[in-house]
Amino acid sequence: MCTLLSRILGLIRDMVCASIFGTGMVWDAFTVAFKIPNLFRRLFGEGAFSAAFIPIFTEHIEKRGRAEALAFANIIATALVIIVGSIVLVGEGAFFTIPKIFQMQEKWQLVFKLLIIMFPYVFFVCLVAFMAAVLNTFHHFLMPALSPIAMNVCWILGAVLAPYTGKTLEKMIYAVAISTFLSGLVQMVIHLPTLRKQEIIYRFIPQFSHPDFKAVMSRMAPVVFGLGIVQLNVLIDSITAIGFSAPQGGWDHFTILGINVSFPMKAGAASVLYYSDRLIQFPLGVFGIAMATVVFPLFSTHVVREDWNNFYTTFNKALKFILFIGIPASLGMIILRDPIIDLLYRRNQFNAESAYRTSRVILLYAVGIWAYCGLHVIIRAFYSLKDTVTPVKVGIVCIGIHIVLNLSLIWVLQEGGLALSTAISAIAHIIILTVILQKRLRIKIEKTVAVSLLKTVIASTVMAITCWFVLQRFSPINGEGGISLKAARLFVPMISALAAFAATSYALKSEEFRYLASKSLKKT
């Protein structure tokens, strides 16, 4: 529920920003600047730190007791404060110095100015990740789930106040940047009462000779890289988008080896990718990351206890749920992308061109929703086995594929090519990792998975046909009409599609549907 609320607040945040900043050079610069510290949030807050730390921490609790486990946690926390603090200081120095040494276009100057403000957010979010990992291991999920809500509330306040801080977009954007920085501090502070209640108190313990400390730190780099493939691809997309976009009011071409080459994209490409990615992150955040957060401690516990039957069972169940949610989410996003954009984004600075470009990108991003969700789960399966090398090797291959596709497809599909290359590389990534995991552990993808997949495909097909048919009963709005009409054009087809999916799943006796339905009935 908290994750869902966080995603809803995130959509409200983006609605406000789209209305104020639209898709132009200023928001391009902000999205690129934000994604660098946000990469740390995604990696640490949504998994790399916990992936390296939780298996060893769980083993301490199981075999050595709570007191020794918490002492070990304090050693890790001390190292984080020193390491991340140093990274932030070095980063701040670099972001301040680089623009003074090199001559840069206006868009890149703005990127570095915003980075100076937002990069300290990394320090707070890494500490929040540590707190969340400790609480999750003790099966306390509420406060870590509330953390993103605090971030979104701070950001919304910053965006709402932005028009009062300056007359130009260039000046207003600093209010959003400052609110992002402050959100990190707020997230850290709200965890403290829960930690005290659990009698988890931080103490400075610089005992870096501890053998398990070395084990965690030796895994951090490959874990960060392995879990961060999708996020690194998104960052690469944004940098490519702003780098290969014609500057606003500037030249429409660049020169390489004495040859004039037209820019494949125009200003706003990075903004369009941001808004599209945010919509794709909704099903990923509500389901994919939430499931990965829950199953990872289970994977780790099964491995510590050498309970392989339950490990295989958990893996197969997770795979079935990923497909059950991911496939209809992909189809639904593809069919309803225009009504979603009309309702959420299209107003004021976010005009018809912005809507059209965003729609194209969502279409191509949505192809890989199921793969984005699945990667978070399957990579954690490897890390619970303390194998951090395999995801790195596969990730390097997939990043190479992604970069090649990026530089090839932008000349044909513009920013849409960046979205398609992300989807293709994610699908390749999950297929390769699944095959390797099967061979290594001799895991058999049970026949029930194939049966579940067939039922999901049938139900999703009925859902898609129903959704498309009902949508055709509405005339295109194209940004016009009141919010009630826009909402009806989105929610009537959506509800009809969900009803069709539920009815078909029930008729096919889908285990996943029955499980989710029983859980919902118990809550009510």
Protein backbone atom coordinates (compact mmCIF):
# COMPACT_ATOMS: atom_id res chain seq x y z
CA MET A 1 0.00 0.00 0.00
CA CYS A 2 2.82 2.41 0.85
CA THR A 3 4.54 1.61 -2.43
CA LEU A 4 1.32 2.31 -4.33
CA LEU A 5 0.85 5.61 -2.47
CA SER A 6 4.45 6.57 -3.27
CA ARG A 7 3.89 5.91 -6.98
CA ILE A 8 0.68 7.95 -6.97
CA LEU A 9 2.49 10.87 -5.31
CA GLY A 10 5.26 10.42 -7.87
CA LEU A 11 2.73 10.84 -10.67
CA ILE A 12 1.33 13.97 -9.02
CA ARG A 13 4.89 15.29 -8.74
CA ASP A 14 5.48 14.71 -12.44
CA MET A 15 2.14 16.25 -13.39
CA VAL A 16 3.09 19.46 -11.61
CA CYS A 17 6.56 19.54 -13.17
CA ALA A 18 5.27 18.77 -16.67
CA SER A 19 2.80 21.64 -16.42
CA ILE A 20 5.47 24.11 -15.27
CA PHE A 21 8.56 23.02 -17.25
CA GLY A 22 7.22 21.02 -20.20
CA THR A 23 9.83 19.39 -22.45
CA GLY A 24 12.69 21.74 -23.13
CA MET A 25 16.30 22.52 -22.35
CA VAL A 26 15.72 23.32 -18.64
CA TRP A 27 13.94 20.07 -17.83
CA ASP A 28 16.43 18.18 -20.02
CA ALA A 29 19.24 19.51 -17.83
CA PHE A 30 17.38 18.71 -14.61
CA THR A 31 16.58 15.12 -15.61
CA VAL A 32 20.22 14.39 -16.48
CA ALA A 33 21.46 16.05 -13.27
CA PHE A 34 18.87 14.25 -11.15
CA LYS A 35 19.56 10.81 -12.59
CA ILE A 36 23.15 10.79 -11.34
CA PRO A 37 22.29 11.00 -7.59
CA ASN A 38 19.08 9.08 -8.28
CA LEU A 39 21.19 6.25 -9.66
CA PHE A 40 22.60 5.84 -6.15
CA ARG A 41 19.07 5.81 -4.74
CA ARG A 42 17.97 3.13 -7.17
CA LEU A 43 21.06 1.01 -6.58
CA PHE A 44 21.24 1.38 -2.80
CA GLY A 45 17.64 2.06 -1.87
CA GLU A 46 16.21 -0.58 -4.19
CA GLY A 47 18.84 -3.06 -3.87
CA ALA A 48 22.58 -3.24 -4.37
CA PHE A 49 23.59 -2.47 -0.80
CA SER A 50 20.93 -4.76 0.65
CA ALA A 51 21.87 -7.46 -1.88
CA ALA A 52 25.44 -7.52 -0.55
CA PHE A 53 24.59 -6.92 3.11
CA ILE A 54 21.40 -8.89 3.87
CA PRO A 55 22.73 -12.45 3.20
CA ILE A 56 25.67 -11.97 5.61
CA PHE A 57 23.58 -10.04 8.13
CA THR A 58 20.93 -12.80 8.02
CA GLU A 59 23.63 -15.40 8.64
CA HIS A 60 24.85 -13.44 11.68
CA ILE A 61 21.34 -13.34 13.14
CA GLU A 62 20.71 -17.05 12.49
CA LYS A 63 24.05 -18.33 13.78
CA ARG A 64 25.53 -15.70 16.13
CA GLY A 65 22.58 -13.86 17.62
CA ARG A 66 21.10 -10.36 17.45
CA ALA A 67 23.74 -8.55 19.52
CA GLU A 68 26.69 -9.62 17.38
CA ALA A 69 24.69 -9.01 14.20
CA LEU A 70 23.97 -5.41 15.24
CA ALA A 71 27.63 -4.84 16.11
CA PHE A 72 28.53 -6.00 12.62
CA ALA A 73 25.87 -3.68 11.15
CA ASN A 74 27.52 -0.73 12.94
CA ILE A 75 30.87 -1.58 11.35
CA ILE A 76 29.21 -1.44 7.91
CA ALA A 77 27.43 1.82 8.77
CA THR A 78 30.70 3.42 9.84
CA ALA A 79 32.32 2.45 6.55
CA LEU A 80 29.36 3.84 4.60
CA VAL A 81 29.62 7.21 6.34
CA ILE A 82 33.32 7.47 5.48
CA ILE A 83 33.15 6.12 1.91
CA VAL A 84 29.98 7.87 0.75
CA GLY A 85 30.97 11.11 2.45
CA SER A 86 34.23 11.04 0.52
CA ILE A 87 32.42 10.34 -2.76
CA VAL A 88 30.15 13.33 -2.21
CA LEU A 89 33.07 15.65 -1.42
CA VAL A 90 35.01 14.52 -4.51
CA GLY A 91 31.88 14.82 -6.65
CA GLU A 92 31.12 18.31 -5.45
CA GLY A 93 34.67 19.39 -6.24
CA ALA A 94 34.48 17.91 -9.73
CA PHE A 95 31.09 19.44 -10.55
CA PHE A 96 32.34 22.86 -9.44
CA THR A 97 35.67 22.65 -11.28
CA ILE A 98 34.86 21.00 -14.64
CA PRO A 99 32.66 23.83 -16.04
CA LYS A 100 35.40 26.34 -15.20
CA ILE A 101 38.05 24.36 -17.08
CA PHE A 102 36.10 23.36 -20.19
CA GLN A 103 33.96 25.52 -22.43
CA MET A 104 30.44 24.07 -22.45
CA GLN A 105 27.05 24.69 -24.00
CA GLU A 106 24.40 26.30 -21.81
CA LYS A 107 22.54 23.01 -21.26
CA TRP A 108 25.66 21.31 -19.82
CA GLN A 109 26.47 24.33 -17.61
CA LEU A 110 23.00 24.06 -16.10
CA VAL A 111 23.47 20.31 -15.56
CA PHE A 112 26.59 20.91 -13.45
CA LYS A 113 24.99 23.75 -11.45
CA LEU A 114 22.08 21.50 -10.53
CA LEU A 115 24.41 18.63 -9.67
CA ILE A 116 26.22 20.80 -7.12
CA ILE A 117 22.91 21.24 -5.29
CA MET A 118 21.55 17.68 -5.60
CA PHE A 119 24.59 15.43 -5.31
CA PRO A 120 24.78 15.54 -1.45
CA TYR A 121 21.43 13.72 -1.57
CA VAL A 122 23.57 10.61 -2.23
CA PHE A 123 24.96 10.69 1.32
CA PHE A 124 21.56 10.66 2.98
CA VAL A 125 19.98 8.09 0.66
CA CYS A 126 22.82 5.63 1.22
CA LEU A 127 22.35 5.85 4.97
CA VAL A 128 18.61 5.39 4.45
CA ALA A 129 19.40 2.26 2.42
CA PHE A 130 21.42 0.87 5.32
CA MET A 131 18.60 1.56 7.78
CA ALA A 132 16.06 -0.04 5.44
CA ALA A 133 18.20 -3.15 4.94
CA VAL A 134 18.50 -3.69 8.69
CA LEU A 135 14.77 -3.19 9.26
CA ASN A 136 13.82 -5.42 6.31
CA THR A 137 15.97 -8.23 7.68
CA PHE A 138 13.99 -8.02 10.91
CA HIS A 139 10.83 -8.17 8.73
CA HIS A 140 9.93 -4.54 9.33
CA PHE A 141 8.86 -3.13 5.95
CA LEU A 142 6.63 -0.16 6.81
CA MET A 143 9.16 2.62 7.44
CA PRO A 144 11.39 1.77 4.44
CA ALA A 145 8.24 1.81 2.31
CA LEU A 146 7.31 5.27 3.65
CA SER A 147 10.69 6.71 2.68
CA PRO A 148 9.89 7.35 -1.02
CA ILE A 149 6.64 9.02 0.05
CA ALA A 150 8.65 11.60 2.00
CA MET A 151 10.79 12.25 -1.05
CA ASN A 152 7.77 12.84 -3.28
CA VAL A 153 6.09 15.16 -0.79
CA CYS A 154 9.25 17.30 -0.59
CA TRP A 155 9.57 17.41 -4.37
CA ILE A 156 5.91 18.39 -4.86
CA LEU A 157 6.31 21.24 -2.38
CA GLY A 158 9.43 22.42 -4.23
CA ALA A 159 7.65 22.32 -7.60
CA VAL A 160 4.58 24.15 -6.28
CA LEU A 161 6.77 26.89 -4.79
CA ALA A 162 9.01 27.11 -7.89
CA PRO A 163 6.93 29.78 -9.74
CA TYR A 164 7.35 32.08 -6.72
CA THR A 165 11.14 31.85 -6.78
CA GLY A 166 11.84 33.31 -10.22
CA LYS A 167 10.36 34.55 -13.48
CA THR A 168 12.27 32.23 -15.82
CA LEU A 169 12.35 28.43 -15.98
CA GLU A 170 16.13 28.56 -15.47
CA LYS A 171 15.62 30.22 -12.07
CA MET A 172 12.57 28.21 -11.03
CA ILE A 173 14.31 24.86 -11.51
CA TYR A 174 16.61 25.54 -8.54
CA ALA A 175 13.65 25.28 -6.14
CA VAL A 176 13.05 21.71 -7.34
CA ALA A 177 16.74 20.89 -6.99
CA ILE A 178 16.86 22.18 -3.40
CA SER A 179 13.73 20.21 -2.47
CA THR A 180 15.38 17.04 -3.83
CA PHE A 181 18.38 17.57 -1.58
CA LEU A 182 16.20 18.23 1.47
CA SER A 183 14.14 15.09 0.79
CA GLY A 184 17.21 12.96 1.50
CA LEU A 185 17.61 14.52 4.94
CA VAL A 186 13.91 14.03 5.71
CA GLN A 187 14.03 10.35 4.69
CA MET A 188 16.92 9.72 7.07
CA VAL A 189 15.30 11.51 10.02
CA ILE A 190 11.97 9.65 9.81
CA HIS A 191 13.75 6.28 10.21
CA LEU A 192 15.34 7.19 13.55
CA PRO A 193 12.30 6.65 15.85
CA THR A 194 11.66 3.16 14.41
CA LEU A 195 15.31 2.20 14.82
CA ARG A 196 15.25 3.32 18.46
CA LYS A 197 12.04 1.38 19.06
CA GLN A 198 13.75 -1.74 17.69
CA GLU A 199 16.72 -0.96 19.98
CA ILE A 200 18.97 -0.50 16.95
CA ILE A 201 21.41 2.27 17.90
CA TYR A 202 24.25 3.47 15.70
CA ARG A 203 27.75 3.46 17.16
CA PHE A 204 30.94 4.48 15.40
CA ILE A 205 32.91 1.21 15.11
CA PRO A 206 35.82 1.45 12.63
CA GLN A 207 36.82 -2.23 12.82
CA PHE A 208 37.49 -2.70 9.13
CA SER A 209 39.58 -5.82 9.69
CA HIS A 210 36.42 -7.82 10.40
CA PRO A 211 36.36 -10.69 7.85
CA ASP A 212 32.65 -10.28 7.08
CA PHE A 213 33.14 -6.56 6.50
CA LYS A 214 35.62 -7.43 3.77
CA ALA A 215 33.13 -9.91 2.34
CA VAL A 216 30.37 -7.29 2.09
CA MET A 217 32.65 -4.65 0.60
CA SER A 218 34.17 -7.08 -1.90
CA ARG A 219 30.67 -7.81 -3.15
CA MET A 220 29.50 -4.21 -3.31
CA ALA A 221 31.11 -3.25 -6.62
CA PRO A 222 29.86 -6.22 -8.64
CA VAL A 223 26.47 -6.07 -6.92
CA VAL A 224 26.12 -2.37 -7.74
CA PHE A 225 27.04 -3.06 -11.33
CA GLY A 226 24.90 -6.16 -11.68
CA LEU A 227 21.71 -4.68 -10.21
CA GLY A 228 22.33 -1.32 -11.84
CA ILE A 229 22.32 -2.45 -15.48
CA VAL A 230 18.82 -1.17 -16.22
CA GLN A 231 19.47 2.07 -14.33
CA LEU A 232 22.84 2.57 -16.01
CA ASN A 233 21.08 2.07 -19.33
CA VAL A 234 18.53 4.74 -18.39
CA LEU A 235 21.34 7.15 -17.45
CA ILE A 236 23.17 6.36 -20.70
CA ASP A 237 19.91 7.08 -22.54
CA SER A 238 19.57 10.49 -20.90
CA ILE A 239 23.17 11.49 -21.59
CA THR A 240 22.82 10.31 -25.19
CA ALA A 241 19.55 12.20 -25.52
CA ILE A 242 20.95 15.54 -24.35
CA GLY A 243 24.27 15.03 -26.12
CA PHE A 244 22.74 14.20 -29.52
CA SER A 245 19.97 16.82 -29.34
CA ALA A 246 20.20 20.09 -31.23
CA PRO A 247 20.69 22.93 -28.72
CA GLN A 248 17.70 25.23 -28.32
CA GLY A 249 18.16 28.14 -30.71
CA GLY A 250 21.57 26.82 -31.83
CA TRP A 251 23.07 24.82 -34.67
CA ASP A 252 21.04 21.93 -36.14
CA HIS A 253 24.20 19.93 -36.87
CA PHE A 254 27.57 19.01 -35.39
CA THR A 255 30.92 18.37 -37.03
CA ILE A 256 32.89 15.13 -36.76
CA LEU A 257 36.05 14.46 -38.78
CA GLY A 258 35.28 17.55 -40.84
CA ILE A 259 31.81 16.28 -41.81
CA ASN A 260 28.61 18.11 -40.86
CA VAL A 261 26.11 15.70 -39.33
CA SER A 262 22.52 16.68 -38.47
CA PHE A 263 21.47 16.08 -34.87
CA PRO A 264 19.16 13.04 -34.79
CA MET A 265 17.06 14.58 -31.98
CA LYS A 266 15.93 18.00 -30.85
CA ALA A 267 15.71 19.69 -27.45
CA GLY A 268 13.34 17.92 -25.10
CA ALA A 269 14.53 14.38 -25.85
CA ALA A 270 15.83 13.81 -22.31
CA SER A 271 12.60 15.28 -20.87
CA VAL A 272 10.46 12.95 -22.97
CA LEU A 273 12.51 9.96 -21.80
CA TYR A 274 12.08 11.06 -18.19
CA TYR A 275 8.28 11.40 -18.34
CA SER A 276 7.96 8.09 -20.21
CA ASP A 277 10.26 6.26 -17.82
CA ARG A 278 8.27 7.61 -14.87
CA LEU A 279 5.08 6.02 -16.21
CA ILE A 280 6.87 2.75 -16.88
CA GLN A 281 8.25 2.85 -13.32
CA PHE A 282 4.71 2.78 -11.91
CA PRO A 283 4.05 -0.95 -12.45
CA LEU A 284 7.74 -1.68 -11.86
CA GLY A 285 7.73 0.09 -8.48
CA VAL A 286 4.33 -1.16 -7.34
CA PHE A 287 5.05 -4.79 -8.18
CA GLY A 288 8.55 -5.59 -9.44
CA ILE A 289 10.65 -3.91 -6.77
CA ALA A 290 8.12 -4.67 -4.03
CA MET A 291 8.24 -8.39 -4.86
CA ALA A 292 12.02 -8.40 -5.07
CA THR A 293 12.24 -6.71 -1.65
CA VAL A 294 10.03 -9.39 -0.10
CA VAL A 295 11.53 -12.50 -1.78
CA PHE A 296 15.19 -11.57 -1.30
CA PRO A 297 15.27 -12.25 2.46
CA LEU A 298 13.42 -15.52 1.71
CA PHE A 299 16.04 -16.51 -0.89
CA SER A 300 18.80 -15.67 1.58
CA THR A 301 17.21 -17.64 4.42
CA HIS A 302 16.64 -20.70 2.19
CA VAL A 303 20.30 -20.62 1.10
CA VAL A 304 21.64 -20.27 4.67
CA ARG A 305 19.49 -23.23 5.75
CA GLU A 306 20.30 -25.12 2.52
CA ASP A 307 16.58 -25.52 1.99
CA TRP A 308 16.75 -25.91 -1.79
CA ASN A 309 13.21 -27.21 -2.30
CA ASN A 310 11.75 -24.01 -0.87
CA PHE A 311 14.29 -21.96 -2.85
CA TYR A 312 13.09 -23.55 -6.12
CA THR A 313 9.45 -23.16 -5.09
CA THR A 314 9.92 -19.47 -4.23
CA PHE A 315 11.72 -18.83 -7.53
CA ASN A 316 9.02 -20.48 -9.64
CA LYS A 317 6.23 -18.67 -7.81
CA ALA A 318 7.99 -15.34 -8.26
CA LEU A 319 8.45 -16.05 -11.98
CA LYS A 320 4.76 -16.83 -12.43
CA PHE A 321 3.68 -13.64 -10.64
CA ILE A 322 6.11 -11.53 -12.68
CA LEU A 323 4.57 -12.80 -15.92
CA PHE A 324 1.03 -12.58 -14.53
CA ILE A 325 1.46 -8.87 -13.73
CA GLY A 326 4.10 -7.81 -16.27
CA ILE A 327 2.48 -9.01 -19.51
CA PRO A 328 -0.93 -7.31 -19.01
CA ALA A 329 0.87 -4.22 -17.67
CA SER A 330 2.87 -3.99 -20.90
CA LEU A 331 -0.22 -4.35 -23.11
CA GLY A 332 -2.28 -1.97 -21.00
CA MET A 333 0.40 0.72 -21.09
CA ILE A 334 0.73 0.41 -24.86
CA ILE A 335 -3.00 0.72 -25.54
CA LEU A 336 -3.78 3.43 -22.96
CA ARG A 337 -0.65 5.54 -23.33
CA ASP A 338 -2.41 8.46 -25.07
CA PRO A 339 -5.28 8.74 -22.54
CA ILE A 340 -2.71 8.52 -19.72
CA ILE A 341 -0.64 11.34 -21.21
CA ASP A 342 -3.75 13.47 -21.85
CA LEU A 343 -4.90 13.13 -18.25
CA LEU A 344 -1.59 13.38 -16.41
CA TYR A 345 0.70 15.60 -18.45
CA ARG A 346 -0.95 17.53 -21.27
CA ARG A 347 -1.50 21.07 -20.02
CA ASN A 348 0.26 24.45 -20.07
CA GLN A 349 3.94 23.93 -21.06
CA PHE A 350 3.37 20.27 -21.96
CA ASN A 351 1.92 20.75 -25.44
CA ALA A 352 0.77 18.54 -28.36
CA GLU A 353 4.31 17.91 -29.60
CA SER A 354 5.44 16.90 -26.11
CA ALA A 355 2.49 14.49 -25.88
CA TYR A 356 3.21 12.93 -29.28
CA ARG A 357 6.91 12.38 -28.55
CA THR A 358 6.16 10.94 -25.11
CA SER A 359 3.57 8.55 -26.58
CA ARG A 360 6.09 7.11 -29.04
CA VAL A 361 8.66 6.53 -26.32
CA ILE A 362 6.17 4.85 -23.94
CA LEU A 363 5.13 2.47 -26.72
CA LEU A 364 8.70 1.22 -27.06
CA TYR A 365 9.60 1.26 -23.35
CA ALA A 366 6.46 -0.76 -22.50
CA VAL A 367 7.65 -3.75 -24.52
CA GLY A 368 10.03 -4.60 -21.69
CA ILE A 369 7.94 -3.97 -18.54
CA TRP A 370 7.84 -7.66 -17.63
CA ALA A 371 11.60 -7.90 -18.09
CA TYR A 372 12.31 -4.83 -15.92
CA CYS A 373 10.24 -6.40 -13.12
CA GLY A 374 11.85 -9.81 -13.51
CA LEU A 375 15.43 -8.55 -13.42
CA HIS A 376 15.05 -7.26 -9.87
CA VAL A 377 13.97 -10.73 -8.72
CA ILE A 378 16.35 -12.98 -10.66
CA ILE A 379 19.45 -10.91 -9.85
CA ARG A 380 18.61 -11.20 -6.17
CA ALA A 381 18.42 -14.96 -6.60
CA PHE A 382 22.07 -14.88 -7.72
CA TYR A 383 23.10 -12.61 -4.85
CA SER A 384 21.41 -14.80 -2.26
CA LEU A 385 23.75 -17.53 -3.54
CA LYS A 386 26.63 -15.07 -2.99
CA ASP A 387 27.33 -15.06 -6.73
CA THR A 388 28.02 -11.47 -7.72
CA VAL A 389 30.25 -12.22 -10.70
CA THR A 390 27.76 -13.77 -13.12
CA PRO A 391 25.34 -10.79 -13.19
CA VAL A 392 28.33 -8.50 -13.84
CA LYS A 393 29.55 -10.52 -16.81
CA VAL A 394 26.07 -10.71 -18.32
CA GLY A 395 25.52 -7.03 -17.53
CA ILE A 396 28.63 -5.96 -19.41
CA VAL A 397 27.41 -7.81 -22.48
CA CYS A 398 23.96 -6.22 -22.19
CA ILE A 399 25.36 -2.71 -21.76
CA GLY A 400 27.43 -3.24 -24.89
CA ILE A 401 24.28 -4.33 -26.76
CA HIS A 402 22.45 -1.31 -25.39
CA ILE A 403 25.07 1.24 -26.47
CA VAL A 404 25.31 -0.21 -29.98
CA LEU A 405 21.52 -0.16 -30.33
CA ASN A 406 21.37 3.39 -28.95
CA LEU A 407 23.81 4.78 -31.49
CA SER A 408 22.07 2.87 -34.29
CA LEU A 409 18.38 3.42 -33.57
CA ILE A 410 18.39 7.16 -32.74
CA TRP A 411 18.93 7.97 -36.41
CA VAL A 412 15.70 6.17 -37.30
CA LEU A 413 13.46 6.43 -34.22
CA GLN A 414 14.98 9.50 -32.50
CA GLU A 415 14.44 9.25 -28.71
CA GLY A 416 12.18 6.25 -29.36
CA GLY A 417 15.29 4.35 -30.40
CA LEU A 418 16.74 4.85 -26.91
CA ALA A 419 13.60 3.37 -25.34
CA LEU A 420 13.56 0.37 -27.68
CA SER A 421 17.22 -0.39 -27.05
CA THR A 422 16.55 -0.36 -23.28
CA ALA A 423 13.69 -2.84 -23.68
CA ILE A 424 15.68 -5.17 -25.96
CA SER A 425 18.73 -5.22 -23.68
CA ALA A 426 16.55 -5.89 -20.59
CA ILE A 427 14.82 -8.82 -22.30
CA ALA A 428 18.17 -10.26 -23.39
CA HIS A 429 19.50 -9.76 -19.86
CA ILE A 430 16.72 -11.68 -18.10
CA ILE A 431 16.73 -14.54 -20.60
CA ILE A 432 20.48 -15.09 -20.27
CA LEU A 433 20.41 -14.96 -16.46
CA THR A 434 17.47 -17.36 -16.25
CA VAL A 435 19.21 -19.92 -18.47
CA ILE A 436 22.41 -19.68 -16.39
CA LEU A 437 20.55 -20.04 -13.08
CA GLN A 438 18.70 -23.08 -14.37
CA LYS A 439 21.91 -24.82 -15.40
CA ARG A 440 23.85 -23.92 -12.27
CA LEU A 441 21.25 -25.04 -9.72
CA ARG A 442 19.58 -27.55 -11.99
CA ILE A 443 16.38 -25.63 -11.44
CA LYS A 444 13.62 -26.88 -13.65
CA ILE A 445 11.14 -24.31 -14.77
CA GLU A 446 8.09 -26.24 -13.68
CA LYS A 447 5.33 -27.14 -16.12
CA THR A 448 3.06 -25.02 -13.97
CA VAL A 449 5.02 -21.94 -15.13
CA ALA A 450 4.27 -22.75 -18.79
CA VAL A 451 0.63 -23.37 -17.95
CA SER A 452 0.46 -20.13 -15.99
CA LEU A 453 2.11 -18.24 -18.87
CA LEU A 454 -0.42 -19.62 -21.36
CA LYS A 455 -3.32 -18.61 -19.13
CA THR A 456 -1.81 -15.16 -18.63
CA VAL A 457 -1.33 -14.65 -22.38
CA ILE A 458 -4.94 -15.67 -23.08
CA ALA A 459 -6.30 -13.42 -20.34
CA SER A 460 -4.07 -10.54 -21.47
CA THR A 461 -5.23 -10.92 -25.07
CA VAL A 462 -8.89 -10.77 -24.01
CA MET A 463 -8.01 -7.77 -21.84
CA ALA A 464 -6.25 -5.95 -24.72
CA ILE A 465 -9.13 -6.53 -27.17
CA THR A 466 -11.66 -5.32 -24.59
CA CYS A 467 -9.57 -2.26 -23.76
CA TRP A 468 -9.09 -1.30 -27.42
CA PHE A 469 -12.79 -1.80 -28.25
CA VAL A 470 -14.02 0.33 -25.33
CA LEU A 471 -11.41 3.02 -26.06
CA GLN A 472 -12.70 3.32 -29.62
CA ARG A 473 -16.11 4.36 -28.25
CA PHE A 474 -14.47 7.63 -27.14
CA SER A 475 -13.39 10.28 -29.62
CA PRO A 476 -9.75 11.48 -29.32
CA ILE A 477 -9.42 14.35 -26.86
CA ASN A 478 -6.05 15.69 -28.04
CA GLY A 479 -5.57 17.80 -24.95
CA GLU A 480 -9.04 19.34 -25.07
CA GLY A 481 -11.94 18.79 -22.69
CA GLY A 482 -12.26 18.83 -18.93
CA ILE A 483 -10.54 16.55 -16.49
CA SER A 484 -13.70 14.44 -16.05
CA LEU A 485 -13.81 13.62 -19.76
CA LYS A 486 -10.09 12.82 -19.82
CA ALA A 487 -10.50 10.62 -16.76
CA ALA A 488 -13.44 8.79 -18.32
CA ARG A 489 -11.44 8.13 -21.50
CA LEU A 490 -8.74 6.50 -19.39
CA PHE A 491 -10.57 4.76 -16.56
CA VAL A 492 -13.60 3.36 -18.41
CA PRO A 493 -11.42 1.31 -20.81
CA MET A 494 -9.02 0.49 -17.96
CA ILE A 495 -11.75 -0.82 -15.64
CA SER A 496 -13.34 -2.74 -18.51
CA ALA A 497 -9.96 -4.27 -19.35
CA LEU A 498 -9.27 -5.23 -15.72
CA ALA A 499 -12.72 -6.81 -15.46
CA ALA A 500 -12.10 -8.79 -18.65
CA PHE A 501 -8.68 -9.90 -17.38
CA ALA A 502 -10.11 -10.92 -14.00
CA ALA A 503 -13.06 -12.78 -15.51
CA THR A 504 -10.86 -14.65 -17.97
CA SER A 505 -8.27 -15.48 -15.29
CA TYR A 506 -11.05 -16.77 -13.04
CA ALA A 507 -12.54 -18.87 -15.85
CA LEU A 508 -9.10 -20.31 -16.61
CA LYS A 509 -8.59 -21.07 -12.89
CA SER A 510 -5.40 -19.02 -12.70
CA GLU A 511 -3.60 -19.76 -9.41
CA GLU A 512 -2.02 -16.30 -9.32
CA PHE A 513 -5.39 -14.59 -9.73
CA ARG A 514 -7.00 -16.74 -7.04
CA TYR A 515 -4.13 -16.04 -4.65
CA LEU A 516 -4.34 -12.27 -5.15
CA ALA A 517 -8.13 -12.33 -4.91
CA SER A 518 -8.03 -14.30 -1.65
CA LYS A 519 -5.49 -11.86 -0.18
CA SER A 520 -7.69 -8.91 -1.17
CA LEU A 521 -10.76 -10.52 0.41
CA LYS A 522 -8.87 -11.19 3.65
CA LYS A 523 -7.84 -7.52 3.87
CA THR A 524 -11.45 -6.41 3.42
